[in-house]
Amino acid sequence: MRRKILSALFLGFVFRCWAQGNGLAGINEATSVISSYFEPVLKLIYAIGAIIGLIGGVRVYSKFSSGDHDVGKTAAAWFGACIFLIVAGTVLRAFFF
C-alpha cells in the first residue's frame, strides 16, 4: 500500500514538472493565434450583420407599406440590433487588443 502511495506521489511530481516546462510560451502562442483570427471573424460578423440588417429593413418596409400598427416597434428593434452589432465589435476589439 505504501509503495502505491509513493508511486502516485512521484508520478504527480513528474507531471507537475512537465506542466511548468513551457507554459508561458504556450500562452503567448495561443494569444497570437487568437489575435490572428480576430480580424477575419470580425469581418464575418459584420457581413452577417449587414445581411440581417438588409432583411430587417425589408421587413420594416413591408410592415410600413401594409399599414401595420407595430412598425415603430419593429423599426426600433431593427435599429437597436444594428447599433448593438457595431458596439459589440468595438468592445471586442478593445477587449482583445
Protein backbone atom coordinates (compact mmCIF):
# COMPACT_ATOMS: atom_id res chain seq x y z
CA MET A 1 0.00 0.00 0.00
CA ARG A 2 2.82 2.34 0.90
CA ARG A 3 4.56 1.63 -2.38
CA LYS A 4 1.41 2.60 -4.35
CA ILE A 5 1.08 5.89 -2.50
CA LEU A 6 4.74 6.76 -3.09
CA SER A 7 4.42 5.84 -6.76
CA ALA A 8 1.36 8.06 -7.13
CA LEU A 9 3.13 10.99 -5.44
CA PHE A 10 6.21 10.57 -7.63
CA LEU A 11 4.08 10.37 -10.76
CA GLY A 12 2.20 13.53 -9.72
CA PHE A 13 5.53 15.31 -9.17
CA VAL A 14 6.76 14.32 -12.63
CA PHE A 15 3.58 15.54 -14.33
CA ARG A 16 3.77 18.79 -12.38
CA CYS A 17 7.32 19.38 -13.57
CA TRP A 18 6.25 18.78 -17.19
CA ALA A 19 3.39 21.23 -16.83
CA GLN A 20 5.74 24.01 -15.74
CA GLY A 21 8.12 23.48 -18.63
CA ASN A 22 6.88 25.78 -21.41
CA GLY A 23 3.67 27.35 -20.12
CA LEU A 24 4.45 30.97 -20.87
CA ALA A 25 5.45 30.23 -24.45
CA GLY A 26 2.21 28.29 -24.92
CA ILE A 27 0.12 31.16 -23.58
CA ASN A 28 1.92 33.64 -25.85
CA GLU A 29 1.38 31.38 -28.86
CA ALA A 30 -2.31 30.99 -28.04
CA THR A 31 -2.63 34.77 -27.74
CA SER A 32 -1.06 35.32 -31.14
CA VAL A 33 -3.27 32.67 -32.76
CA ILE A 34 -6.43 34.19 -31.29
CA SER A 35 -5.29 37.66 -32.35
CA SER A 36 -4.67 36.48 -35.91
CA TYR A 37 -8.20 35.03 -36.17
CA PHE A 38 -9.88 38.11 -34.73
CA GLU A 39 -9.97 40.36 -37.81
CA PRO A 40 -11.43 37.76 -40.23
CA VAL A 41 -14.06 36.72 -37.67
CA LEU A 42 -14.97 40.35 -37.03
CA LYS A 43 -15.39 40.95 -40.77
CA LEU A 44 -17.57 37.83 -40.99
CA ILE A 45 -19.73 39.10 -38.13
CA TYR A 46 -20.11 42.46 -39.87
CA ALA A 47 -21.07 40.71 -43.14
CA ILE A 48 -23.68 38.57 -41.39
CA GLY A 49 -24.96 41.67 -39.61
CA ALA A 50 -25.24 43.53 -42.91
CA ILE A 51 -27.31 40.72 -44.41
CA ILE A 52 -29.54 40.56 -41.36
CA GLY A 53 -29.81 44.35 -41.41
CA LEU A 54 -30.99 44.31 -45.02
CA ILE A 55 -33.55 41.64 -44.21
CA GLY A 56 -34.74 43.68 -41.22
CA GLY A 57 -35.01 46.78 -43.38
CA VAL A 58 -37.16 44.90 -45.89
CA ARG A 59 -39.37 43.67 -43.02
CA VAL A 60 -39.83 47.22 -41.72
CA TYR A 61 -40.64 48.48 -45.21
CA SER A 62 -43.08 45.63 -45.75
CA LYS A 63 -44.90 46.40 -42.50
CA PHE A 64 -44.91 50.12 -43.29
CA SER A 65 -46.34 49.50 -46.76
CA SER A 66 -49.05 47.20 -45.48
CA GLY A 67 -50.15 49.70 -42.81
CA ASP A 68 -49.29 47.52 -39.83
CA HIS A 69 -49.58 49.25 -36.46
CA ASP A 70 -46.35 48.00 -34.86
CA VAL A 71 -43.95 49.46 -37.43
CA GLY A 72 -42.32 51.70 -34.83
CA LYS A 73 -41.56 48.78 -32.54
CA THR A 74 -40.12 46.70 -35.38
CA ALA A 75 -38.02 49.61 -36.64
CA ALA A 76 -36.71 50.31 -33.13
CA ALA A 77 -35.74 46.67 -32.66
CA TRP A 78 -34.01 46.59 -36.04
CA PHE A 79 -32.12 49.83 -35.34
CA GLY A 80 -31.14 48.60 -31.84
CA ALA A 81 -29.78 45.36 -33.28
CA CYS A 82 -27.65 47.29 -35.78
CA ILE A 83 -26.26 49.54 -33.05
CA PHE A 84 -25.57 46.53 -30.82
CA LEU A 85 -23.61 44.82 -33.59
CA ILE A 86 -21.39 47.84 -34.13
CA VAL A 87 -20.82 48.39 -30.40
CA ALA A 88 -20.15 44.69 -29.79
CA GLY A 89 -17.44 44.68 -32.47
CA THR A 90 -15.82 47.76 -30.95
CA VAL A 91 -15.93 46.35 -27.42
CA LEU A 92 -14.50 43.01 -28.55
CA ARG A 93 -11.67 44.79 -30.36
CA ALA A 94 -10.91 46.80 -27.21
CA PHE A 95 -11.07 43.64 -25.07
CA PHE A 96 -8.67 41.59 -27.21
CA PHE A 97 -6.22 44.35 -28.15
